[in-house]
C-alpha atoms as a PDB file:
ATOM      1  CA  MET A   1       1.620 -18.874  -2.099  1.00  0.00           C
ATOM      2  CA  ILE A   2       2.935 -18.405  -5.618  1.00  0.00           C
ATOM      3  CA  PHE A   3       3.004 -14.848  -6.938  1.00  0.00           C
ATOM      4  CA  LYS A   4       4.330 -13.264 -10.075  1.00  0.00           C
ATOM      5  CA  ILE A   5       6.309 -10.076 -10.481  1.00  0.00           C
ATOM      6  CA  ILE A   6       7.033  -8.761 -13.934  1.00  0.00           C
ATOM      7  CA  VAL A   7       9.988  -6.447 -14.467  1.00  0.00           C
ATOM      8  CA  THR A   8      11.740  -5.427 -17.651  1.00  0.00           C
ATOM      9  CA  PHE A   9      15.325  -4.220 -17.640  1.00  0.00           C
ATOM     10  CA  ALA A  10      17.027  -2.341 -20.437  1.00  0.00           C
ATOM     11  CA  PRO A  11      19.871  -4.167 -22.223  1.00  0.00           C
ATOM     12  CA  ASP A  12      23.327  -3.467 -20.805  1.00  0.00           C
ATOM     13  CA  TYR A  13      24.408  -1.358 -23.739  1.00  0.00           C
ATOM     14  CA  ILE A  14      21.629   1.211 -23.233  1.00  0.00           C
ATOM     15  CA  ARG A  15      21.184   0.944 -19.456  1.00  0.00           C
ATOM     16  CA  LYS A  16      23.339   4.009 -18.827  1.00  0.00           C
ATOM     17  CA  THR A  17      20.821   6.172 -20.648  1.00  0.00           C
ATOM     18  CA  VAL A  18      17.705   5.085 -18.751  1.00  0.00           C
ATOM     19  CA  ASP A  19      16.314   6.778 -15.654  1.00  0.00           C
ATOM     20  CA  LYS A  20      17.650   5.719 -12.248  1.00  0.00           C
ATOM     21  CA  GLU A  21      14.162   4.728 -11.117  1.00  0.00           C
ATOM     22  CA  LYS A  22      12.393   1.490 -12.010  1.00  0.00           C
ATOM     23  CA  ARG A  23       8.997   0.137 -10.991  1.00  0.00           C
ATOM     24  CA  ILE A  24       7.485  -3.316 -10.714  1.00  0.00           C
ATOM     25  CA  SER A  25       3.972  -4.441  -9.872  1.00  0.00           C
ATOM     26  CA  ASP A  26       3.104  -6.897  -7.095  1.00  0.00           C
ATOM     27  CA  PRO A  27      -0.405  -8.460  -7.029  1.00  0.00           C
ATOM     28  CA  GLN A  28      -0.875  -7.794  -3.288  1.00  0.00           C
ATOM     29  CA  ILE A  29       1.329  -4.824  -2.537  1.00  0.00           C
ATOM     30  CA  GLY A  30       0.893  -2.837  -5.710  1.00  0.00           C
ATOM     31  CA  GLU A  31       3.697  -0.794  -7.256  1.00  0.00           C
ATOM     32  CA  ILE A  32       7.223  -1.085  -5.875  1.00  0.00           C
ATOM     33  CA  ILE A  33       9.628   1.728  -6.700  1.00  0.00           C
ATOM     34  CA  PHE A  34      13.365   1.050  -7.074  1.00  0.00           C
ATOM     35  CA  ARG A  35      15.651   4.070  -6.783  1.00  0.00           C
ATOM     36  CA  LYS A  36      19.412   4.418  -6.858  1.00  0.00           C
ATOM     37  CA  ASN A  37      20.990   6.651  -4.236  1.00  0.00           C
ATOM     38  CA  ALA A  38      24.642   7.655  -4.379  1.00  0.00           C
ATOM     39  CA  ASN A  39      24.731   8.095  -0.605  1.00  0.00           C
ATOM     40  CA  ALA A  40      23.210   4.706   0.260  1.00  0.00           C
ATOM     41  CA  LYS A  41      25.561   2.036   1.596  1.00  0.00           C
ATOM     42  CA  ARG A  42      23.119  -0.869   1.494  1.00  0.00           C
ATOM     43  CA  TYR A  43      19.780  -1.963   0.105  1.00  0.00           C
ATOM     44  CA  ILE A  44      16.878  -0.469   2.097  1.00  0.00           C
ATOM     45  CA  ILE A  45      13.099  -0.873   1.938  1.00  0.00           C
ATOM     46  CA  ARG A  46      11.020   2.088   3.128  1.00  0.00           C
ATOM     47  CA  LEU A  47       7.277   2.482   3.484  1.00  0.00           C
ATOM     48  CA  ARG A  48       5.996   6.001   2.913  1.00  0.00           C
ATOM     49  CA  ASN A  49       2.220   6.475   3.052  1.00  0.00           C
ATOM     50  CA  LYS A  50       1.721   2.921   1.764  1.00  0.00           C
ATOM     51  CA  GLU A  51       4.288   3.555  -0.995  1.00  0.00           C
ATOM     52  CA  VAL A  52       7.038   0.918  -1.083  1.00  0.00           C
ATOM     53  CA  ILE A  53      10.461   2.265  -2.033  1.00  0.00           C
ATOM     54  CA  VAL A  54      13.571   0.119  -2.424  1.00  0.00           C
ATOM     55  CA  THR A  55      16.790   2.134  -2.219  1.00  0.00           C
ATOM     56  CA  ILE A  56      19.762   0.806  -4.177  1.00  0.00           C
ATOM     57  CA  PRO A  57      23.376   1.805  -3.371  1.00  0.00           C
ATOM     58  CA  LEU A  58      25.327   3.492  -6.157  1.00  0.00           C
ATOM     59  CA  TYR A  59      27.159   0.323  -7.227  1.00  0.00           C
ATOM     60  CA  GLY A  60      24.209  -1.970  -6.575  1.00  0.00           C
ATOM     61  CA  ASN A  61      22.000  -3.391  -9.289  1.00  0.00           C
ATOM     62  CA  TYR A  62      18.291  -3.818  -9.901  1.00  0.00           C
ATOM     63  CA  THR A  63      18.450  -7.604 -10.083  1.00  0.00           C
ATOM     64  CA  ARG A  64      19.862  -7.829  -6.559  1.00  0.00           C
ATOM     65  CA  ALA A  65      17.404  -5.160  -5.396  1.00  0.00           C
ATOM     66  CA  LYS A  66      14.501  -7.250  -6.684  1.00  0.00           C
ATOM     67  CA  GLU A  67      15.881 -10.316  -4.876  1.00  0.00           C
ATOM     68  CA  PHE A  68      16.246  -8.245  -1.695  1.00  0.00           C
ATOM     69  CA  PHE A  69      12.624  -7.141  -1.964  1.00  0.00           C
ATOM     70  CA  LEU A  70      11.413 -10.720  -2.495  1.00  0.00           C
ATOM     71  CA  GLU A  71      13.388 -11.884   0.540  1.00  0.00           C
ATOM     72  CA  ASN A  72      11.554  -9.284   2.641  1.00  0.00           C
ATOM     73  CA  ARG A  73       8.193  -9.308   0.857  1.00  0.00           C
ATOM     74  CA  GLN A  74       6.250 -11.000   3.660  1.00  0.00           C
ATOM     75  CA  LEU A  75       7.554  -8.490   6.192  1.00  0.00           C
ATOM     76  CA  VAL A  76       6.540  -5.623   3.907  1.00  0.00           C
ATOM     77  CA  LEU A  77       3.032  -7.059   3.662  1.00  0.00           C
ATOM     78  CA  GLN A  78       2.802  -7.291   7.449  1.00  0.00           C
ATOM     79  CA  LYS A  79       4.001  -3.712   7.883  1.00  0.00           C
ATOM     80  CA  LEU A  80       1.468  -2.415   5.366  1.00  0.00           C
ATOM     81  CA  GLN A  81      -1.342  -4.270   7.140  1.00  0.00           C
ATOM     82  CA  LEU A  82      -0.262  -2.853  10.508  1.00  0.00           C
ATOM     83  CA  GLN A  83      -0.241   0.677   9.095  1.00  0.00           C
ATOM     84  CA  THR A  84      -3.951   0.389   8.405  1.00  0.00           C
ATOM     85  CA  THR A  85      -4.972  -1.464  11.583  1.00  0.00           C
ATOM     86  CA  ALA A  86      -2.731  -0.112  14.334  1.00  0.00           C
ATOM     87  CA  ARG A  87      -2.407   3.601  13.615  1.00  0.00           C
ATOM     88  CA  PRO A  88      -3.815   5.821  16.394  1.00  0.00           C
ATOM     89  CA  ALA A  89      -6.908   7.891  15.691  1.00  0.00           C
ATOM     90  CA  GLN A  90      -6.279  11.274  14.078  1.00  0.00           C
ATOM     91  CA  ASN A  91      -8.644  13.269  16.340  1.00  0.00           C
ATOM     92  CA  ILE A  92      -6.341  13.225  19.357  1.00  0.00           C
ATOM     93  CA  ASP A  93      -6.140  16.269  21.636  1.00  0.00           C
ATOM     94  CA  GLU A  94      -2.362  16.599  21.403  1.00  0.00           C
ATOM     95  CA  THR A  95      -2.167  19.464  23.893  1.00  0.00           C
ATOM     96  CA  ALA A  96      -3.922  17.422  26.572  1.00  0.00           C
ATOM     97  CA  LEU A  97      -1.876  14.351  25.695  1.00  0.00           C
ATOM     98  CA  ARG A  98       1.393  16.279  26.020  1.00  0.00           C
ATOM     99  CA  ARG A  99       0.372  17.688  29.414  1.00  0.00           C
ATOM    100  CA  LYS A 100      -0.553  14.262  30.692  1.00  0.00           C
ATOM    101  CA  ALA A 101       2.716  12.801  29.380  1.00  0.00           C
ATOM    102  CA  GLN A 102       4.716  15.542  31.117  1.00  0.00           C
ATOM    103  CA  ALA A 103       2.920  14.736  34.372  1.00  0.00           C
ATOM    104  CA  VAL A 104       3.184  10.942  34.113  1.00  0.00           C
ATOM    105  CA  LEU A 105       6.191   9.788  32.105  1.00  0.00           C
ATOM    106  CA  PRO A 106       9.091  11.509  33.942  1.00  0.00           C
ATOM    107  CA  ALA A 107       7.871  10.148  37.268  1.00  0.00           C
ATOM    108  CA  GLN A 108       7.452   6.650  35.828  1.00  0.00           C
ATOM    109  CA  LEU A 109      10.928   6.807  34.272  1.00  0.00           C
ATOM    110  CA  ALA A 110      12.477   7.901  37.566  1.00  0.00           C
ATOM    111  CA  LYS A 111      10.752   5.068  39.419  1.00  0.00           C
ATOM    112  CA  LEU A 112      12.018   2.452  36.956  1.00  0.00           C
ATOM    113  CA  ALA A 113      15.523   3.937  36.997  1.00  0.00           C
ATOM    114  CA  GLU A 114      15.642   3.692  40.784  1.00  0.00           C
ATOM    115  CA  LEU A 115      14.231   0.165  40.748  1.00  0.00           C
ATOM    116  CA  HIS A 116      16.829  -1.134  38.272  1.00  0.00           C
ATOM    117  CA  GLY A 117      19.785   1.053  39.225  1.00  0.00           C
ATOM    118  CA  PHE A 118      19.990   3.306  36.152  1.00  0.00           C
ATOM    119  CA  LYS A 119      21.092   6.930  36.005  1.00  0.00           C
ATOM    120  CA  TYR A 120      20.256   9.494  33.331  1.00  0.00           C
ATOM    121  CA  ALA A 121      20.818  13.234  32.899  1.00  0.00           C
ATOM    122  CA  CYS A 122      17.313  14.479  32.115  1.00  0.00           C
ATOM    123  CA  VAL A 123      14.093  13.581  30.338  1.00  0.00           C
ATOM    124  CA  LYS A 124      12.299  15.507  27.596  1.00  0.00           C
ATOM    125  CA  ILE A 125       8.779  15.011  26.272  1.00  0.00           C
ATOM    126  CA  ARG A 126       8.497  15.547  22.535  1.00  0.00           C
ATOM    127  CA  LYS A 127       6.035  15.218  19.688  1.00  0.00           C
ATOM    128  CA  SER A 128       7.807  12.421  17.857  1.00  0.00           C
ATOM    129  CA  ARG A 129       6.066  10.396  15.188  1.00  0.00           C
ATOM    130  CA  SER A 130       9.119   8.457  14.051  1.00  0.00           C
ATOM    131  CA  ARG A 131      10.112   6.823  17.344  1.00  0.00           C
ATOM    132  CA  TRP A 132       8.712   6.198  20.811  1.00  0.00           C
ATOM    133  CA  GLY A 133      11.883   7.277  22.583  1.00  0.00           C
ATOM    134  CA  SER A 134      15.600   7.875  22.302  1.00  0.00           C
ATOM    135  CA  CYS A 135      18.655   8.280  24.510  1.00  0.00           C
ATOM    136  CA  SER A 136      21.606  10.556  23.726  1.00  0.00           C
ATOM    137  CA  SER A 137      25.222   9.813  24.550  1.00  0.00           C
ATOM    138  CA  LYS A 138      24.965  12.456  27.299  1.00  0.00           C
ATOM    139  CA  GLY A 139      22.157  10.566  29.028  1.00  0.00           C
ATOM    140  CA  THR A 140      19.237  12.701  27.871  1.00  0.00           C
ATOM    141  CA  ILE A 141      16.151  10.554  27.365  1.00  0.00           C
ATOM    142  CA  SER A 142      13.508  11.869  24.968  1.00  0.00           C
ATOM    143  CA  LEU A 143      10.015  10.371  25.000  1.00  0.00           C
ATOM    144  CA  SER A 144       7.154  10.825  22.565  1.00  0.00           C
ATOM    145  CA  PHE A 145       3.926  11.883  24.236  1.00  0.00           C
ATOM    146  CA  TYR A 146       2.205   9.398  21.924  1.00  0.00           C
ATOM    147  CA  LEU A 147       3.593   6.756  24.281  1.00  0.00           C
ATOM    148  CA  LEU A 148       0.446   7.216  26.358  1.00  0.00           C
ATOM    149  CA  LEU A 149      -1.544   5.624  23.542  1.00  0.00           C
ATOM    150  CA  LEU A 150       0.242   2.316  24.151  1.00  0.00           C
ATOM    151  CA  PRO A 151      -0.792  -0.368  26.652  1.00  0.00           C
ATOM    152  CA  GLU A 152       0.841   0.159  30.044  1.00  0.00           C
ATOM    153  CA  HIS A 153       3.244  -2.787  29.759  1.00  0.00           C
ATOM    154  CA  LEU A 154       4.567  -1.447  26.445  1.00  0.00           C
ATOM    155  CA  ILE A 155       5.068   2.023  27.910  1.00  0.00           C
ATOM    156  CA  GLU A 156       7.209   0.396  30.596  1.00  0.00           C
ATOM    157  CA  TYR A 157       9.098  -1.556  27.917  1.00  0.00           C
ATOM    158  CA  VAL A 158       9.984   1.659  26.042  1.00  0.00           C
ATOM    159  CA  LEU A 159      11.134   3.385  29.225  1.00  0.00           C
ATOM    160  CA  LEU A 160      13.308   0.414  30.171  1.00  0.00           C
ATOM    161  CA  HIS A 161      14.633   0.233  26.604  1.00  0.00           C
ATOM    162  CA  GLU A 162      15.868   3.822  26.812  1.00  0.00           C
ATOM    163  CA  LEU A 163      17.237   3.359  30.315  1.00  0.00           C
ATOM    164  CA  CYS A 164      19.283   0.395  29.093  1.00  0.00           C
ATOM    165  CA  HIS A 165      20.771   2.693  26.448  1.00  0.00           C
ATOM    166  CA  THR A 166      22.331   4.745  29.244  1.00  0.00           C
ATOM    167  CA  VAL A 167      24.572   1.708  29.769  1.00  0.00           C
ATOM    168  CA  GLN A 168      24.680   0.197  26.270  1.00  0.00           C
ATOM    169  CA  MET A 169      24.434   2.784  23.449  1.00  0.00           C
ATOM    170  CA  ASN A 170      23.714   0.130  20.842  1.00  0.00           C
ATOM    171  CA  HIS A 171      21.586  -2.940  20.194  1.00  0.00           C
ATOM    172  CA  SER A 172      24.326  -5.452  20.860  1.00  0.00           C
ATOM    173  CA  PRO A 173      23.798  -8.828  22.583  1.00  0.00           C
ATOM    174  CA  ALA A 174      24.877  -7.108  25.825  1.00  0.00           C
ATOM    175  CA  PHE A 175      22.078  -4.557  25.405  1.00  0.00           C
ATOM    176  CA  TRP A 176      19.414  -7.237  24.878  1.00  0.00           C
ATOM    177  CA  ALA A 177      20.760  -9.245  27.803  1.00  0.00           C
ATOM    178  CA  LEU A 178      20.393  -6.182  30.020  1.00  0.00           C
ATOM    179  CA  LEU A 179      16.896  -5.456  28.744  1.00  0.00           C
ATOM    180  CA  ASP A 180      15.958  -9.111  29.232  1.00  0.00           C
ATOM    181  CA  LYS A 181      17.097  -8.830  32.840  1.00  0.00           C
ATOM    182  CA  CYS A 182      14.803  -5.829  33.347  1.00  0.00           C
ATOM    183  CA  THR A 183      11.797  -7.418  31.623  1.00  0.00           C
ATOM    184  CA  GLN A 184      11.918 -10.980  32.989  1.00  0.00           C
ATOM    185  CA  ASN A 185      13.356 -12.295  29.698  1.00  0.00           C
ATOM    186  CA  LYS A 186      10.551 -10.791  27.615  1.00  0.00           C
ATOM    187  CA  ALA A 187      12.529  -8.160  25.697  1.00  0.00           C
ATOM    188  CA  ARG A 188      12.217  -9.686  22.236  1.00  0.00           C
ATOM    189  CA  LYS A 189       8.590 -10.671  22.765  1.00  0.00           C
ATOM    190  CA  LEU A 190       7.740  -7.098  23.777  1.00  0.00           C
ATOM    191  CA  ARG A 191       9.756  -5.778  20.837  1.00  0.00           C
ATOM    192  CA  GLN A 192       7.635  -7.828  18.454  1.00  0.00           C
ATOM    193  CA  GLU A 193       4.451  -6.671  20.131  1.00  0.00           C
ATOM    194  CA  ILE A 194       5.273  -2.967  19.951  1.00  0.00           C
ATOM    195  CA  ARG A 195       5.876  -3.261  16.218  1.00  0.00           C
ATOM    196  CA  LYS A 196       2.108  -3.553  15.850  1.00  0.00           C
ATOM    197  CA  TYR A 197       1.791   0.078  16.854  1.00  0.00           C
ATOM    198  CA  HIS A 198       2.823   3.283  15.069  1.00  0.00           C
ATOM    199  CA  SER A 199       3.438   6.566  16.823  1.00  0.00           C
END
């Protein structure tokens, strides 16, 4: 599909005097904000409450930032659509959900660890909205109690994902090979599926 984005840049000789933020308009997405950040090391696209923000490294430029956005435009559209269709309901009893998670998830994690030969230091249940789980370098696995809102097979995928991090603290080919071994070669398929959900 052909789309048009209009953006006007200041001439080079006055560019130093303009603000470090620029905006363009996309017919489907709406306004895209481009911001320079002295601490950024690469171009990044973030979605914040349906607001699309493209971060530009200090020595980057707006032309390349626009190209970067266009290269990832379809993915941005998909993410925005998922935010409106896959977000859990807001009237959740979080206290009850946390209690259930504390009763269910540690036992399920221990069972999977024993089944696949993993060892970890401890498990913590948290109220995390940014990630389903994490694993520290000391072997502490943290799980969001929102995990219980996922289908059972995706809960298991997250638990196995974090258990694999006790061996591979990265997302290298070795990590995915290990996770594939634990999920009957379905790691990447499950990864794509879980992206439809937001904690």
